[in-house]
N, C-alpha and C. Protein backbone atom coordinates (compact mmCIF):
# COMPACT_ATOMS: atom_id res chain seq x y z
N MET A 1 -177.69 40.45 -52.30
CA MET A 1 -177.41 41.73 -52.66
C MET A 1 -176.64 42.73 -51.57
N SER A 2 -175.70 43.60 -52.01
CA SER A 2 -175.09 44.58 -51.02
C SER A 2 -175.94 45.76 -50.85
N ASP A 3 -176.69 45.90 -49.90
CA ASP A 3 -177.43 47.12 -49.61
C ASP A 3 -176.69 48.43 -49.57
N SER A 4 -175.49 48.04 -49.03
CA SER A 4 -174.42 49.38 -48.85
C SER A 4 -173.96 49.96 -50.14
N LEU A 5 -173.64 48.92 -51.09
CA LEU A 5 -173.18 49.42 -52.25
C LEU A 5 -174.56 50.14 -53.15
N ILE A 6 -175.73 49.59 -52.99
CA ILE A 6 -176.63 50.38 -53.54
C ILE A 6 -177.01 51.58 -53.12
N LEU A 7 -177.04 51.76 -51.64
CA LEU A 7 -177.27 52.99 -50.87
C LEU A 7 -176.21 53.95 -51.15
N ASN A 8 -175.03 53.39 -51.19
CA ASN A 8 -173.89 54.54 -51.71
C ASN A 8 -174.03 55.03 -53.16
N ALA A 9 -174.51 54.34 -54.05
CA ALA A 9 -174.72 54.86 -55.44
C ALA A 9 -175.63 55.74 -55.39
N ALA A 10 -176.85 55.32 -54.61
CA ALA A 10 -177.98 56.29 -54.60
C ALA A 10 -177.66 57.54 -54.11
N GLU A 11 -177.00 57.40 -53.05
CA GLU A 11 -176.51 58.78 -52.27
C GLU A 11 -175.76 59.62 -53.16
N TYR A 12 -174.80 58.93 -53.86
CA TYR A 12 -173.63 59.63 -54.78
C TYR A 12 -174.50 60.19 -55.82
N ALA A 13 -175.52 59.44 -56.54
CA ALA A 13 -176.27 60.15 -57.44
C ALA A 13 -177.17 61.30 -57.22
N LYS A 14 -177.62 61.31 -56.07
CA LYS A 14 -178.38 62.35 -55.33
C LYS A 14 -177.53 63.53 -55.27
N LEU A 15 -176.43 63.47 -54.84
CA LEU A 15 -175.59 64.62 -54.48
C LEU A 15 -175.06 65.18 -55.74
N PHE A 16 -174.64 64.22 -56.94
CA PHE A 16 -174.21 64.70 -58.10
C PHE A 16 -175.27 65.20 -58.83
N HIS A 17 -176.45 64.82 -58.88
CA HIS A 17 -177.51 65.26 -59.79
C HIS A 17 -178.47 66.57 -59.18
N ARG A 18 -177.91 66.95 -57.91
CA ARG A 18 -178.68 68.04 -57.22
C ARG A 18 -178.77 69.27 -58.45
N GLY A 19 -180.12 69.72 -58.48
CA GLY A 19 -180.49 70.64 -59.34
C GLY A 19 -180.55 70.30 -60.89
N HIS A 20 -180.19 69.03 -61.29
CA HIS A 20 -180.51 68.63 -62.68
C HIS A 20 -181.81 68.21 -62.97
N LYS A 21 -182.30 68.73 -64.05
CA LYS A 21 -183.72 68.37 -64.47
C LYS A 21 -183.79 67.62 -65.85
N GLY A 22 -184.65 66.90 -65.99
CA GLY A 22 -184.81 66.15 -67.16
C GLY A 22 -185.65 66.91 -68.21
N ALA A 23 -186.08 66.51 -69.50
CA ALA A 23 -186.87 66.98 -70.51
C ALA A 23 -188.11 67.53 -69.81
N ASP A 24 -188.76 66.53 -68.70
CA ASP A 24 -189.98 66.49 -68.25
C ASP A 24 -190.05 67.62 -67.26
N GLY A 25 -188.94 68.26 -66.80
CA GLY A 25 -188.93 69.21 -65.73
C GLY A 25 -188.71 68.56 -64.38
N LEU A 26 -188.70 67.21 -64.25
CA LEU A 26 -188.43 66.66 -63.01
C LEU A 26 -187.11 66.46 -62.59
N PRO A 27 -186.64 66.22 -61.44
CA PRO A 27 -185.31 65.83 -61.00
C PRO A 27 -184.89 64.55 -61.70
N ILE A 28 -183.69 64.58 -62.35
CA ILE A 28 -183.01 63.44 -63.14
C ILE A 28 -183.03 62.33 -62.06
N LEU A 29 -182.95 62.54 -60.86
CA LEU A 29 -182.89 61.49 -59.80
C LEU A 29 -184.12 60.82 -59.86
N ASP A 30 -185.24 61.24 -60.30
CA ASP A 30 -186.50 60.53 -60.24
C ASP A 30 -186.38 59.60 -61.38
N HIS A 31 -185.74 59.89 -62.45
CA HIS A 31 -185.56 59.05 -63.64
C HIS A 31 -184.60 57.79 -63.21
N THR A 32 -183.52 58.05 -62.47
CA THR A 32 -182.56 57.00 -62.08
C THR A 32 -183.39 56.17 -60.98
N ALA A 33 -184.01 56.63 -60.17
CA ALA A 33 -184.88 55.85 -59.13
C ALA A 33 -185.81 54.85 -59.72
N ARG A 34 -186.62 55.38 -60.99
CA ARG A 34 -187.47 54.65 -61.73
C ARG A 34 -186.65 53.41 -62.41
N LEU A 35 -185.63 53.68 -62.81
CA LEU A 35 -184.84 52.59 -63.65
C LEU A 35 -184.49 51.48 -62.45
N ALA A 36 -184.10 52.01 -61.34
CA ALA A 36 -183.34 51.18 -60.30
C ALA A 36 -184.65 50.11 -59.76
N ALA A 37 -185.77 50.85 -59.57
CA ALA A 37 -186.77 50.15 -59.11
C ALA A 37 -187.31 49.05 -60.09
N ARG A 38 -187.22 49.30 -61.42
CA ARG A 38 -187.46 48.31 -62.47
C ARG A 38 -186.36 47.37 -62.55
N MET A 39 -185.13 47.53 -62.41
CA MET A 39 -184.21 46.84 -62.67
C MET A 39 -184.08 45.64 -61.29
N ILE A 40 -184.40 46.33 -60.27
CA ILE A 40 -184.27 45.27 -59.06
C ILE A 40 -185.35 44.12 -59.04
N LEU A 41 -186.43 44.16 -59.79
CA LEU A 41 -187.49 43.37 -60.00
C LEU A 41 -187.02 42.17 -60.98
N LEU A 42 -185.97 42.54 -61.69
CA LEU A 42 -185.43 41.55 -62.80
C LEU A 42 -184.70 40.19 -62.21
N PRO A 43 -184.85 39.16 -62.80
CA PRO A 43 -184.04 38.09 -62.41
C PRO A 43 -182.63 38.29 -62.73
N GLN A 44 -181.68 37.44 -61.75
CA GLN A 44 -180.24 37.56 -62.05
C GLN A 44 -179.71 39.07 -62.15
N VAL A 45 -180.23 39.93 -61.33
CA VAL A 45 -179.69 41.25 -61.09
C VAL A 45 -179.00 41.46 -59.97
N ASN A 46 -177.74 42.09 -59.77
CA ASN A 46 -176.86 42.12 -58.67
C ASN A 46 -176.55 43.62 -58.20
N ALA A 47 -175.88 43.71 -57.19
CA ALA A 47 -175.98 45.05 -56.60
C ALA A 47 -175.20 45.88 -57.38
N LYS A 48 -174.19 45.49 -58.13
CA LYS A 48 -173.21 46.10 -58.99
C LYS A 48 -174.20 46.74 -60.17
N LEU A 49 -175.14 45.90 -60.71
CA LEU A 49 -175.84 46.45 -61.83
C LEU A 49 -176.96 47.60 -61.37
N ILE A 50 -177.58 47.18 -60.10
CA ILE A 50 -178.39 48.39 -59.42
C ILE A 50 -177.47 49.57 -59.43
N ALA A 51 -176.34 49.52 -58.65
CA ALA A 51 -175.55 50.77 -58.54
C ALA A 51 -175.19 51.32 -59.90
N THR A 52 -174.91 50.59 -60.97
CA THR A 52 -174.76 51.26 -62.18
C THR A 52 -175.94 51.72 -62.64
N THR A 53 -177.04 51.51 -62.37
CA THR A 53 -178.17 51.98 -62.65
C THR A 53 -178.43 53.53 -62.14
N PHE A 54 -178.25 53.41 -60.80
CA PHE A 54 -178.26 54.76 -60.09
C PHE A 54 -177.28 55.76 -60.70
N LEU A 55 -176.16 55.33 -61.20
CA LEU A 55 -174.97 56.21 -61.52
C LEU A 55 -174.90 56.37 -63.09
N HIS A 56 -175.78 55.88 -63.81
CA HIS A 56 -175.64 55.79 -65.19
C HIS A 56 -175.73 57.01 -65.95
N ASP A 57 -176.21 57.99 -65.36
CA ASP A 57 -176.34 59.34 -66.03
C ASP A 57 -175.12 60.43 -65.74
N THR A 58 -174.20 60.09 -64.70
CA THR A 58 -173.49 60.75 -63.99
C THR A 58 -172.27 61.23 -65.14
N LEU A 59 -171.98 60.26 -65.95
CA LEU A 59 -170.96 60.80 -66.99
C LEU A 59 -171.51 62.03 -67.98
N GLU A 60 -172.60 61.53 -68.29
CA GLU A 60 -173.41 62.10 -69.45
C GLU A 60 -173.65 63.52 -68.81
N TRP A 61 -173.96 63.77 -67.60
CA TRP A 61 -174.24 65.04 -67.05
C TRP A 61 -173.14 65.85 -66.52
N ALA A 62 -171.87 65.24 -66.56
CA ALA A 62 -170.61 65.86 -66.06
C ALA A 62 -170.09 66.84 -67.13
N ASP A 63 -169.61 67.86 -66.56
CA ASP A 63 -168.75 68.87 -67.15
C ASP A 63 -167.63 68.46 -67.78
N TYR A 64 -166.79 67.58 -66.94
CA TYR A 64 -165.48 67.12 -67.16
C TYR A 64 -165.65 65.47 -67.11
N PRO A 65 -166.14 64.75 -68.07
CA PRO A 65 -166.52 63.38 -67.86
C PRO A 65 -165.45 62.45 -67.44
N ASP A 66 -164.26 62.75 -68.02
CA ASP A 66 -162.81 62.22 -67.39
C ASP A 66 -162.51 62.34 -66.06
N GLU A 67 -162.97 63.45 -65.34
CA GLU A 67 -162.68 63.66 -63.99
C GLU A 67 -163.79 62.84 -63.14
N GLN A 68 -165.05 62.83 -63.78
CA GLN A 68 -166.08 62.22 -63.22
C GLN A 68 -165.91 60.70 -63.25
N TYR A 69 -165.37 60.19 -64.46
CA TYR A 69 -165.23 58.70 -64.40
C TYR A 69 -163.89 58.33 -63.48
N ALA A 70 -162.93 59.23 -63.20
CA ALA A 70 -161.79 58.89 -62.17
C ALA A 70 -162.52 58.93 -60.70
N ARG A 71 -163.57 59.74 -60.56
CA ARG A 71 -164.23 59.95 -59.11
C ARG A 71 -165.14 58.57 -58.97
N LEU A 72 -165.64 58.15 -59.92
CA LEU A 72 -166.40 56.87 -59.90
C LEU A 72 -165.56 55.56 -59.70
N VAL A 73 -164.37 55.73 -60.20
CA VAL A 73 -163.47 54.58 -59.90
C VAL A 73 -162.91 54.62 -58.56
N ASP A 74 -162.71 55.78 -58.02
CA ASP A 74 -162.45 56.00 -56.60
C ASP A 74 -163.45 55.49 -55.60
N HIS A 75 -164.63 55.59 -55.75
CA HIS A 75 -165.73 55.34 -55.08
C HIS A 75 -166.20 54.03 -55.28
N PHE A 76 -166.23 53.38 -56.59
CA PHE A 76 -167.04 52.30 -56.72
C PHE A 76 -166.24 51.26 -57.47
N GLY A 77 -164.93 51.63 -57.88
CA GLY A 77 -164.08 50.62 -58.60
C GLY A 77 -164.28 50.51 -60.14
N TYR A 78 -163.28 49.84 -60.51
CA TYR A 78 -163.39 49.94 -62.04
C TYR A 78 -164.37 49.27 -62.77
N ASP A 79 -164.93 48.34 -62.17
CA ASP A 79 -166.18 47.41 -62.91
C ASP A 79 -167.23 48.28 -62.83
N ILE A 80 -167.69 49.02 -61.87
CA ILE A 80 -168.99 49.86 -61.99
C ILE A 80 -168.51 51.07 -62.76
N ALA A 81 -167.37 51.66 -62.71
CA ALA A 81 -167.03 52.94 -63.69
C ALA A 81 -167.18 52.55 -65.16
N ASP A 82 -166.55 51.43 -65.23
CA ASP A 82 -166.53 50.86 -66.41
C ASP A 82 -167.95 50.60 -67.21
N SER A 83 -168.80 50.11 -66.42
CA SER A 83 -170.06 49.79 -66.81
C SER A 83 -170.87 51.10 -67.05
N VAL A 84 -170.74 52.16 -66.32
CA VAL A 84 -171.17 53.36 -66.57
C VAL A 84 -170.75 54.05 -67.60
N ARG A 85 -169.41 54.08 -68.09
CA ARG A 85 -168.93 54.51 -69.28
C ARG A 85 -169.26 53.85 -70.48
N ALA A 86 -169.48 52.72 -70.38
CA ALA A 86 -169.91 51.55 -71.49
C ALA A 86 -171.33 52.13 -71.92
N ILE A 87 -172.24 52.63 -71.21
CA ILE A 87 -173.66 52.92 -71.44
C ILE A 87 -173.83 54.44 -71.64
N THR A 88 -172.79 54.97 -71.54
CA THR A 88 -172.98 56.51 -71.56
C THR A 88 -172.64 56.94 -72.95
N VAL A 89 -173.55 58.05 -73.35
CA VAL A 89 -173.41 58.70 -74.79
C VAL A 89 -172.95 60.25 -74.51
N PRO A 90 -171.83 60.60 -74.80
CA PRO A 90 -171.46 61.82 -74.62
C PRO A 90 -172.27 62.85 -75.29
N ARG A 91 -172.64 63.94 -74.58
CA ARG A 91 -173.63 65.09 -75.10
C ARG A 91 -172.99 65.83 -76.07
N SER A 92 -171.40 65.72 -76.27
CA SER A 92 -170.77 66.44 -77.39
C SER A 92 -171.09 65.84 -78.63
N TRP A 93 -171.47 64.52 -78.76
CA TRP A 93 -171.49 63.89 -80.15
C TRP A 93 -172.66 64.42 -80.99
N GLY A 94 -172.44 64.59 -82.34
CA GLY A 94 -173.38 64.95 -83.30
C GLY A 94 -174.51 63.76 -83.46
N ASP A 95 -175.44 63.84 -84.04
CA ASP A 95 -176.57 62.93 -84.26
C ASP A 95 -176.10 61.61 -85.04
N ALA A 96 -175.13 61.80 -86.27
CA ALA A 96 -174.80 60.59 -86.86
C ALA A 96 -173.73 60.09 -86.20
N THR A 97 -172.88 60.65 -85.70
CA THR A 97 -171.78 59.88 -84.76
C THR A 97 -172.52 59.22 -83.65
N LEU A 98 -173.35 59.84 -83.06
CA LEU A 98 -174.02 59.23 -81.81
C LEU A 98 -174.79 57.88 -82.16
N LYS A 99 -175.58 57.88 -83.29
CA LYS A 99 -176.36 56.66 -83.61
C LYS A 99 -175.55 55.69 -83.99
N ALA A 100 -174.53 55.96 -84.84
CA ALA A 100 -173.54 54.71 -85.12
C ALA A 100 -172.73 54.15 -84.04
N ALA A 101 -172.28 55.19 -82.97
CA ALA A 101 -171.64 54.65 -81.94
C ALA A 101 -172.43 54.08 -80.96
N GLU A 102 -173.81 54.33 -80.70
CA GLU A 102 -174.64 53.63 -80.01
C GLU A 102 -175.03 52.28 -80.35
N VAL A 103 -175.19 52.17 -81.64
CA VAL A 103 -175.42 50.89 -82.07
C VAL A 103 -174.28 49.94 -82.02
N ALA A 104 -173.26 50.43 -82.18
CA ALA A 104 -172.00 49.49 -82.03
C ALA A 104 -171.78 49.15 -80.57
N ARG A 105 -172.02 50.14 -79.81
CA ARG A 105 -171.65 49.78 -78.25
C ARG A 105 -172.64 48.95 -77.83
N CYS A 106 -174.15 48.88 -78.06
CA CYS A 106 -174.98 48.13 -77.73
C CYS A 106 -174.79 46.63 -77.84
N LYS A 107 -174.15 46.39 -79.01
CA LYS A 107 -173.91 45.07 -79.48
C LYS A 107 -173.12 44.39 -78.52
N ALA A 108 -172.24 45.24 -77.98
CA ALA A 108 -171.12 44.60 -77.24
C ALA A 108 -171.32 44.55 -75.80
N LEU A 109 -172.74 45.04 -75.19
CA LEU A 109 -172.99 45.21 -73.74
C LEU A 109 -173.24 43.89 -73.36
N SER A 110 -173.16 43.70 -71.87
CA SER A 110 -173.50 42.64 -71.22
C SER A 110 -175.14 42.56 -71.31
N ARG A 111 -175.75 41.41 -70.89
CA ARG A 111 -177.10 41.26 -70.78
C ARG A 111 -177.92 42.22 -70.05
N GLY A 112 -177.30 42.42 -68.77
CA GLY A 112 -177.71 43.39 -67.93
C GLY A 112 -177.66 44.87 -68.06
N LEU A 113 -176.56 45.27 -69.06
CA LEU A 113 -176.52 46.48 -69.47
C LEU A 113 -177.42 46.91 -70.67
N LYS A 114 -177.71 45.92 -71.33
CA LYS A 114 -178.64 45.90 -72.48
C LYS A 114 -179.92 46.42 -71.95
N VAL A 115 -180.27 45.35 -70.93
CA VAL A 115 -181.55 45.63 -70.31
C VAL A 115 -181.77 47.10 -69.82
N LEU A 116 -180.87 47.70 -69.03
CA LEU A 116 -180.63 48.78 -68.56
C LEU A 116 -180.68 49.88 -69.69
N LYS A 117 -180.06 49.81 -70.75
CA LYS A 117 -180.07 50.70 -71.73
C LYS A 117 -181.55 50.67 -72.32
N MET A 118 -182.18 49.63 -72.60
CA MET A 118 -183.58 49.71 -73.08
C MET A 118 -184.63 50.25 -72.01
N LEU A 119 -184.47 49.90 -70.83
CA LEU A 119 -185.37 50.56 -69.88
C LEU A 119 -185.02 52.14 -69.85
N ASP A 120 -183.75 52.48 -69.93
CA ASP A 120 -183.48 54.07 -69.89
C ASP A 120 -184.01 54.66 -71.07
N ARG A 121 -184.04 53.95 -72.24
CA ARG A 121 -184.61 54.65 -73.59
C ARG A 121 -186.33 54.65 -73.48
N THR A 122 -186.93 53.55 -73.02
CA THR A 122 -188.42 53.61 -72.78
C THR A 122 -188.71 54.49 -71.72
N ASP A 123 -188.11 54.84 -70.65
CA ASP A 123 -188.55 55.66 -69.32
C ASP A 123 -188.28 57.17 -70.05
N MET A 124 -187.30 57.27 -71.05
CA MET A 124 -187.21 58.69 -71.72
C MET A 124 -188.30 59.03 -72.51
N ILE A 125 -188.73 58.08 -73.18
CA ILE A 125 -189.84 58.21 -74.28
C ILE A 125 -191.05 58.47 -73.44
N GLN A 126 -191.30 57.58 -72.38
CA GLN A 126 -192.72 57.78 -71.61
C GLN A 126 -192.70 59.01 -70.76
N HIS A 127 -191.60 59.59 -70.42
CA HIS A 127 -191.44 61.16 -69.62
C HIS A 127 -191.06 62.05 -70.61
N SER A 128 -191.00 62.07 -71.78
CA SER A 128 -190.88 63.14 -72.54
C SER A 128 -192.10 64.05 -72.81
N PRO A 129 -191.88 65.36 -72.52
CA PRO A 129 -193.16 65.97 -72.85
C PRO A 129 -193.34 66.71 -74.30
N VAL A 130 -192.45 66.59 -74.96
CA VAL A 130 -192.29 67.17 -76.22
C VAL A 130 -192.52 66.00 -77.42
N CYS A 131 -193.41 66.22 -78.22
CA CYS A 131 -193.72 65.07 -79.26
C CYS A 131 -192.73 64.95 -80.19
N ALA A 132 -192.08 65.93 -80.77
CA ALA A 132 -191.03 65.87 -81.74
C ALA A 132 -190.03 65.17 -81.26
N TYR A 133 -189.75 65.46 -79.80
CA TYR A 133 -188.49 64.79 -79.03
C TYR A 133 -188.88 63.42 -78.93
N ARG A 134 -190.15 63.00 -78.56
CA ARG A 134 -190.43 61.64 -78.37
C ARG A 134 -190.32 60.87 -79.69
N LEU A 135 -190.73 61.26 -80.72
CA LEU A 135 -190.64 60.56 -81.90
C LEU A 135 -189.14 60.27 -82.03
N LEU A 136 -188.29 61.24 -82.03
CA LEU A 136 -186.72 61.01 -81.98
C LEU A 136 -186.36 60.13 -81.09
N LEU A 137 -186.60 59.91 -79.92
CA LEU A 137 -186.36 58.93 -78.98
C LEU A 137 -186.80 57.66 -79.50
N GLN A 138 -188.08 57.51 -79.79
CA GLN A 138 -188.61 56.37 -80.35
C GLN A 138 -187.78 55.84 -81.69
N GLN A 139 -187.47 56.55 -82.33
CA GLN A 139 -186.64 56.12 -83.51
C GLN A 139 -185.19 55.66 -83.08
N GLU A 140 -184.73 56.43 -81.92
CA GLU A 140 -183.31 55.91 -81.32
C GLU A 140 -183.50 54.73 -80.62
N ALA A 141 -184.74 54.53 -80.04
CA ALA A 141 -184.98 53.28 -79.21
C ALA A 141 -185.01 52.11 -80.01
N LEU A 142 -185.69 52.22 -81.27
CA LEU A 142 -185.72 51.27 -82.17
C LEU A 142 -184.48 50.63 -82.84
N ALA A 143 -183.65 51.72 -83.08
CA ALA A 143 -182.34 51.49 -83.50
C ALA A 143 -181.39 50.62 -82.42
N THR A 144 -181.60 51.18 -81.31
CA THR A 144 -180.99 50.62 -80.10
C THR A 144 -181.62 49.12 -79.83
N ALA A 145 -182.72 49.13 -79.87
CA ALA A 145 -183.37 47.77 -79.75
C ALA A 145 -182.93 46.66 -80.71
N ASP A 146 -182.65 47.16 -81.99
CA ASP A 146 -182.19 46.23 -83.22
C ASP A 146 -180.75 45.92 -82.80
N ALA A 147 -180.00 46.79 -82.18
CA ALA A 147 -178.72 46.72 -82.06
C ALA A 147 -178.41 45.45 -80.81
N VAL A 148 -179.24 45.95 -79.77
CA VAL A 148 -179.30 45.09 -78.49
C VAL A 148 -179.64 43.56 -78.79
N GLY A 149 -180.59 43.57 -79.48
CA GLY A 149 -181.13 41.99 -79.84
C GLY A 149 -181.73 41.63 -78.79
N ASP A 150 -181.76 40.37 -78.82
CA ASP A 150 -182.38 39.41 -77.71
C ASP A 150 -181.33 39.45 -76.52
N ALA A 151 -181.91 40.19 -75.30
CA ALA A 151 -181.06 40.01 -74.24
C ALA A 151 -181.19 39.08 -73.30
N ASP A 152 -181.77 37.77 -74.00
CA ASP A 152 -181.82 36.37 -73.38
C ASP A 152 -182.84 36.82 -72.23
């Protein structure tokens, strides 16, 4: 595994997410670090997937996602930038559009990105302080799991 790629992605995420807080009030970087720690323990995981894990929320939190995507391409190449974009749900989508697009996108993801998507959902459920929001996340996670299917 390329330690420098992983460290560069972690540092990029740290700088990008400075001041960003999740629903639990904790820094978003805590969430990405938890996911990376879980992903790195899985078999057949490579440095690109761990880098994608650290970067997975950068487009969602970007004020200008297209510009952020271009920065990801410049720093990490198309492979990682495209992986980040593949699992990103734009904040501007409405609920019905979001759910339909999420299901369609999950079916086409690689095995590694499917696993990342499910870990992301379960981490959000686990760390969400609001009961109603947790229920919504659980329902979305079930729909995502149905779309993802067996990640082998």
